[in-house]
Amino acid sequence: KFANGKEVLTQGQTFTLDDNPEPGTSTRVYLPHPEILSSVEAGHRLLIDDGKLELKAVKSDGKSIVCTVVAGTTISDKKGVSLPDTDLPVGALTEKDRKDLDAVLATGVDWVALSFVQRPEDLAEARKIARGRALIMAKIEKPQAVARLAEIIEL
C-alpha cells in the first residue's frame, strides 16, 4: 500500500521492497511475502503489474530487496509480482488454492490449468488433490519449469 495511493518510478532509480508494513513511498514499499524477500538474489528480475514495471535486484538481505528500476511506470497498491529468475521454496499451491481447487473439481470441470509450476512435485500435488476428477495442465511460465520440463512431461 502506498501513502499517496500510487507513485511514479523512473528508469535508473533505486526502489526497495521490504518487510516494513508502513505505507510505501517513491523509494520503498512493503512486500508481505517473506519467502520472496529471502529468495530473491542480486541480478534477479522482479516484474510487477503484469511486467509493466521491471526491477532488477541489486542487493537482498532477507528483509529487503534493493532494486534498480529497469522499466518504470506508475505503481499502485496490490499489484502482482512475478519472479522469472527466482526459485521460491514454496509449492505452486497455497492453502487457499488447495481449497479452491477442490471446490472447482466438485463442479465437474474437465481440466484445470496450474500456474507457476516450478517442479514436477507441484503438478503431482495438484493431481493428488484432483484424484482423477479432472486433467491438470501445467502452465510452463518459469525458467525453473523449463529446466525440468522432461520430468514434468513424464508425469
C-alpha atoms as a PDB file:
ATOM      1  CA  LYS A   1       0.000   0.000   0.000  1.00  0.00           C
ATOM      2  CA  PHE A   2       1.287   3.434  -0.924  1.00  0.00           C
ATOM      3  CA  ALA A   3       0.821   6.530   1.233  1.00  0.00           C
ATOM      4  CA  ASN A   4      -0.303   8.531  -1.830  1.00  0.00           C
ATOM      5  CA  GLY A   5      -2.183   5.648  -3.472  1.00  0.00           C
ATOM      6  CA  LYS A   6       0.354   5.478  -6.296  1.00  0.00           C
ATOM      7  CA  GLU A   7       3.901   6.518  -7.168  1.00  0.00           C
ATOM      8  CA  VAL A   8       5.806   7.099 -10.403  1.00  0.00           C
ATOM      9  CA  LEU A   9       9.031   5.097 -10.701  1.00  0.00           C
ATOM     10  CA  THR A  10      11.554   6.093 -13.357  1.00  0.00           C
ATOM     11  CA  GLN A  11      14.220   4.095 -15.149  1.00  0.00           C
ATOM     12  CA  GLY A  12      17.506   4.025 -13.237  1.00  0.00           C
ATOM     13  CA  GLN A  13      16.151   4.972  -9.830  1.00  0.00           C
ATOM     14  CA  THR A  14      16.576   2.810  -6.740  1.00  0.00           C
ATOM     15  CA  PHE A  15      13.463   1.202  -5.271  1.00  0.00           C
ATOM     16  CA  THR A  16      13.288  -1.148  -2.276  1.00  0.00           C
ATOM     17  CA  LEU A  17      10.793  -3.850  -1.359  1.00  0.00           C
ATOM     18  CA  ASP A  18      10.924  -4.619   2.365  1.00  0.00           C
ATOM     19  CA  ASP A  19       9.271  -6.091   5.449  1.00  0.00           C
ATOM     20  CA  ASN A  20       8.282  -2.699   6.909  1.00  0.00           C
ATOM     21  CA  PRO A  21       4.441  -2.510   6.910  1.00  0.00           C
ATOM     22  CA  GLU A  22       4.368   1.300   6.828  1.00  0.00           C
ATOM     23  CA  PRO A  23       2.769   2.839   3.695  1.00  0.00           C
ATOM     24  CA  GLY A  24       5.038   2.956   0.654  1.00  0.00           C
ATOM     25  CA  THR A  25       6.751   5.946  -0.931  1.00  0.00           C
ATOM     26  CA  SER A  26       8.562   6.645  -4.196  1.00  0.00           C
ATOM     27  CA  THR A  27      11.625   4.828  -2.794  1.00  0.00           C
ATOM     28  CA  ARG A  28      10.196   1.778  -0.955  1.00  0.00           C
ATOM     29  CA  VAL A  29       7.142  -0.383  -0.380  1.00  0.00           C
ATOM     30  CA  TYR A  30       6.095  -3.203   1.943  1.00  0.00           C
ATOM     31  CA  LEU A  31       6.173  -6.689   0.425  1.00  0.00           C
ATOM     32  CA  PRO A  32       4.169  -9.043   2.682  1.00  0.00           C
ATOM     33  CA  HIS A  33       5.856 -12.183   1.357  1.00  0.00           C
ATOM     34  CA  PRO A  34       8.879 -13.232   3.447  1.00  0.00           C
ATOM     35  CA  GLU A  35       9.516 -16.158   1.081  1.00  0.00           C
ATOM     36  CA  ILE A  36      10.192 -13.654  -1.717  1.00  0.00           C
ATOM     37  CA  LEU A  37      12.357 -11.404   0.460  1.00  0.00           C
ATOM     38  CA  SER A  38      14.505 -14.386   1.447  1.00  0.00           C
ATOM     39  CA  SER A  39      14.746 -15.944  -2.044  1.00  0.00           C
ATOM     40  CA  VAL A  40      15.494 -13.128  -4.488  1.00  0.00           C
ATOM     41  CA  GLU A  41      19.204 -12.681  -5.195  1.00  0.00           C
ATOM     42  CA  ALA A  42      21.218  -9.907  -6.828  1.00  0.00           C
ATOM     43  CA  GLY A  43      20.663  -9.950 -10.580  1.00  0.00           C
ATOM     44  CA  HIS A  44      17.156 -11.413 -10.386  1.00  0.00           C
ATOM     45  CA  ARG A  45      14.305  -9.643 -12.191  1.00  0.00           C
ATOM     46  CA  LEU A  46      11.051  -8.677 -10.492  1.00  0.00           C
ATOM     47  CA  LEU A  47       8.131  -7.950 -12.826  1.00  0.00           C
ATOM     48  CA  ILE A  48       5.297  -6.011 -11.236  1.00  0.00           C
ATOM     49  CA  ASP A  49       1.799  -5.315 -12.569  1.00  0.00           C
ATOM     50  CA  ASP A  50       1.996  -7.879 -15.394  1.00  0.00           C
ATOM     51  CA  GLY A  51       5.503  -6.705 -16.316  1.00  0.00           C
ATOM     52  CA  LYS A  52       4.650  -3.014 -16.726  1.00  0.00           C
ATOM     53  CA  LEU A  53       7.266  -2.289 -14.053  1.00  0.00           C
ATOM     54  CA  GLU A  54      10.566  -4.165 -14.239  1.00  0.00           C
ATOM     55  CA  LEU A  55      13.033  -4.128 -11.370  1.00  0.00           C
ATOM     56  CA  LYS A  56      16.454  -5.744 -11.104  1.00  0.00           C
ATOM     57  CA  ALA A  57      17.657  -6.781  -7.658  1.00  0.00           C
ATOM     58  CA  VAL A  58      20.958  -5.208  -6.649  1.00  0.00           C
ATOM     59  CA  LYS A  59      21.120  -6.429  -3.050  1.00  0.00           C
ATOM     60  CA  SER A  60      18.986  -8.650  -0.830  1.00  0.00           C
ATOM     61  CA  ASP A  61      19.377  -9.457   2.855  1.00  0.00           C
ATOM     62  CA  GLY A  62      16.228 -11.451   3.604  1.00  0.00           C
ATOM     63  CA  LYS A  63      14.398  -8.415   4.974  1.00  0.00           C
ATOM     64  CA  SER A  64      14.630  -6.141   1.948  1.00  0.00           C
ATOM     65  CA  ILE A  65      15.424  -6.215  -1.746  1.00  0.00           C
ATOM     66  CA  VAL A  66      17.168  -3.138  -3.114  1.00  0.00           C
ATOM     67  CA  CYS A  67      16.433  -2.804  -6.824  1.00  0.00           C
ATOM     68  CA  THR A  68      17.162  -0.644  -9.829  1.00  0.00           C
ATOM     69  CA  VAL A  69      14.169   0.303 -11.968  1.00  0.00           C
ATOM     70  CA  VAL A  70      14.765  -1.122 -15.471  1.00  0.00           C
ATOM     71  CA  ALA A  71      11.406  -0.114 -16.963  1.00  0.00           C
ATOM     72  CA  GLY A  72       9.466   2.462 -14.992  1.00  0.00           C
ATOM     73  CA  THR A  73       5.793   3.313 -14.762  1.00  0.00           C
ATOM     74  CA  THR A  74       3.209   4.315 -12.208  1.00  0.00           C
ATOM     75  CA  ILE A  75       2.802   1.738  -9.454  1.00  0.00           C
ATOM     76  CA  SER A  76      -0.178   1.451  -7.144  1.00  0.00           C
ATOM     77  CA  ASP A  77      -1.488  -0.853  -4.439  1.00  0.00           C
ATOM     78  CA  LYS A  78      -1.989  -4.619  -4.713  1.00  0.00           C
ATOM     79  CA  LYS A  79      -0.079  -5.370  -7.909  1.00  0.00           C
ATOM     80  CA  GLY A  80       1.192  -8.862  -8.612  1.00  0.00           C
ATOM     81  CA  VAL A  81       4.897  -9.705  -8.533  1.00  0.00           C
ATOM     82  CA  SER A  82       6.373 -12.212 -10.989  1.00  0.00           C
ATOM     83  CA  LEU A  83       9.825 -13.655 -10.328  1.00  0.00           C
ATOM     84  CA  PRO A  84      11.113 -15.272 -13.535  1.00  0.00           C
ATOM     85  CA  ASP A  85      14.640 -15.815 -12.172  1.00  0.00           C
ATOM     86  CA  THR A  86      13.802 -16.862  -8.605  1.00  0.00           C
ATOM     87  CA  ASP A  87      13.166 -20.377  -7.353  1.00  0.00           C
ATOM     88  CA  LEU A  88      10.763 -19.985  -4.445  1.00  0.00           C
ATOM     89  CA  PRO A  89      10.928 -22.560  -1.637  1.00  0.00           C
ATOM     90  CA  VAL A  90       7.152 -22.995  -1.769  1.00  0.00           C
ATOM     91  CA  GLY A  91       4.872 -25.123  -3.892  1.00  0.00           C
ATOM     92  CA  ALA A  92       2.616 -23.833  -6.642  1.00  0.00           C
ATOM     93  CA  LEU A  93      -0.457 -24.217  -4.417  1.00  0.00           C
ATOM     94  CA  THR A  94      -1.325 -22.185  -1.332  1.00  0.00           C
ATOM     95  CA  GLU A  95      -3.776 -23.498   1.256  1.00  0.00           C
ATOM     96  CA  LYS A  96      -6.467 -21.315  -0.340  1.00  0.00           C
ATOM     97  CA  ASP A  97      -5.570 -22.729  -3.770  1.00  0.00           C
ATOM     98  CA  ARG A  98      -5.998 -26.269  -2.439  1.00  0.00           C
ATOM     99  CA  LYS A  99      -9.477 -25.483  -1.101  1.00  0.00           C
ATOM    100  CA  ASP A 100     -10.449 -23.626  -4.286  1.00  0.00           C
ATOM    101  CA  LEU A 101      -9.181 -26.485  -6.460  1.00  0.00           C
ATOM    102  CA  ASP A 102     -11.233 -28.998  -4.514  1.00  0.00           C
ATOM    103  CA  ALA A 103     -14.344 -26.788  -4.835  1.00  0.00           C
ATOM    104  CA  VAL A 104     -13.844 -26.303  -8.590  1.00  0.00           C
ATOM    105  CA  LEU A 105     -13.304 -30.016  -9.123  1.00  0.00           C
ATOM    106  CA  ALA A 106     -16.601 -30.699  -7.351  1.00  0.00           C
ATOM    107  CA  THR A 107     -18.397 -28.748 -10.114  1.00  0.00           C
ATOM    108  CA  GLY A 108     -17.323 -31.300 -12.714  1.00  0.00           C
ATOM    109  CA  VAL A 109     -14.805 -29.312 -14.767  1.00  0.00           C
ATOM    110  CA  ASP A 110     -12.857 -31.286 -17.375  1.00  0.00           C
ATOM    111  CA  TRP A 111      -9.442 -29.751 -16.707  1.00  0.00           C
ATOM    112  CA  VAL A 112      -7.612 -27.160 -14.621  1.00  0.00           C
ATOM    113  CA  ALA A 113      -4.546 -25.070 -15.535  1.00  0.00           C
ATOM    114  CA  LEU A 114      -1.896 -24.894 -12.798  1.00  0.00           C
ATOM    115  CA  SER A 115       0.070 -21.627 -12.868  1.00  0.00           C
ATOM    116  CA  PHE A 116       3.624 -21.004 -11.685  1.00  0.00           C
ATOM    117  CA  VAL A 117       4.750 -24.622 -11.815  1.00  0.00           C
ATOM    118  CA  GLN A 118       8.445 -24.792 -10.904  1.00  0.00           C
ATOM    119  CA  ARG A 119       8.973 -28.516 -10.390  1.00  0.00           C
ATOM    120  CA  PRO A 120       7.236 -31.861 -11.041  1.00  0.00           C
ATOM    121  CA  GLU A 121       6.166 -32.020  -7.394  1.00  0.00           C
ATOM    122  CA  ASP A 122       3.868 -29.021  -7.978  1.00  0.00           C
ATOM    123  CA  LEU A 123       1.955 -30.910 -10.664  1.00  0.00           C
ATOM    124  CA  ALA A 124       1.934 -34.102  -8.579  1.00  0.00           C
ATOM    125  CA  GLU A 125       0.344 -32.241  -5.659  1.00  0.00           C
ATOM    126  CA  ALA A 126      -2.463 -30.882  -7.850  1.00  0.00           C
ATOM    127  CA  ARG A 127      -3.072 -34.315  -9.354  1.00  0.00           C
ATOM    128  CA  LYS A 128      -3.273 -35.819  -5.871  1.00  0.00           C
ATOM    129  CA  ILE A 129      -5.987 -33.315  -4.949  1.00  0.00           C
ATOM    130  CA  ALA A 130      -7.797 -33.942  -8.262  1.00  0.00           C
ATOM    131  CA  ARG A 131      -7.931 -37.715  -7.669  1.00  0.00           C
ATOM    132  CA  GLY A 132      -8.732 -38.258 -11.351  1.00  0.00           C
ATOM    133  CA  ARG A 133     -11.741 -35.927 -11.352  1.00  0.00           C
ATOM    134  CA  ALA A 134     -10.130 -33.670 -13.994  1.00  0.00           C
ATOM    135  CA  LEU A 135      -6.973 -33.324 -16.024  1.00  0.00           C
ATOM    136  CA  ILE A 136      -4.327 -30.918 -14.735  1.00  0.00           C
ATOM    137  CA  MET A 137      -2.386 -28.791 -17.241  1.00  0.00           C
ATOM    138  CA  ALA A 138       0.958 -27.425 -16.060  1.00  0.00           C
ATOM    139  CA  LYS A 139       1.500 -23.865 -17.269  1.00  0.00           C
ATOM    140  CA  ILE A 140       5.200 -23.554 -18.067  1.00  0.00           C
ATOM    141  CA  GLU A 141       5.866 -19.916 -17.130  1.00  0.00           C
ATOM    142  CA  LYS A 142       9.105 -20.051 -15.162  1.00  0.00           C
ATOM    143  CA  PRO A 143      12.662 -20.920 -16.192  1.00  0.00           C
ATOM    144  CA  GLN A 144      12.758 -23.444 -13.350  1.00  0.00           C
ATOM    145  CA  ALA A 145       9.935 -25.363 -15.059  1.00  0.00           C
ATOM    146  CA  VAL A 146      11.694 -25.226 -18.428  1.00  0.00           C
ATOM    147  CA  ALA A 147      14.826 -26.667 -16.819  1.00  0.00           C
ATOM    148  CA  ARG A 148      12.776 -29.608 -15.505  1.00  0.00           C
ATOM    149  CA  LEU A 149      10.382 -29.874 -18.447  1.00  0.00           C
ATOM    150  CA  ALA A 150      11.175 -33.518 -19.232  1.00  0.00           C
ATOM    151  CA  GLU A 151      10.340 -34.521 -15.646  1.00  0.00           C
ATOM    152  CA  ILE A 152       7.117 -32.506 -15.692  1.00  0.00           C
ATOM    153  CA  ILE A 153       6.056 -34.072 -19.001  1.00  0.00           C
ATOM    154  CA  GLU A 154       6.756 -37.574 -17.656  1.00  0.00           C
ATOM    155  CA  LEU A 155       4.072 -37.072 -15.020  1.00  0.00           C
END
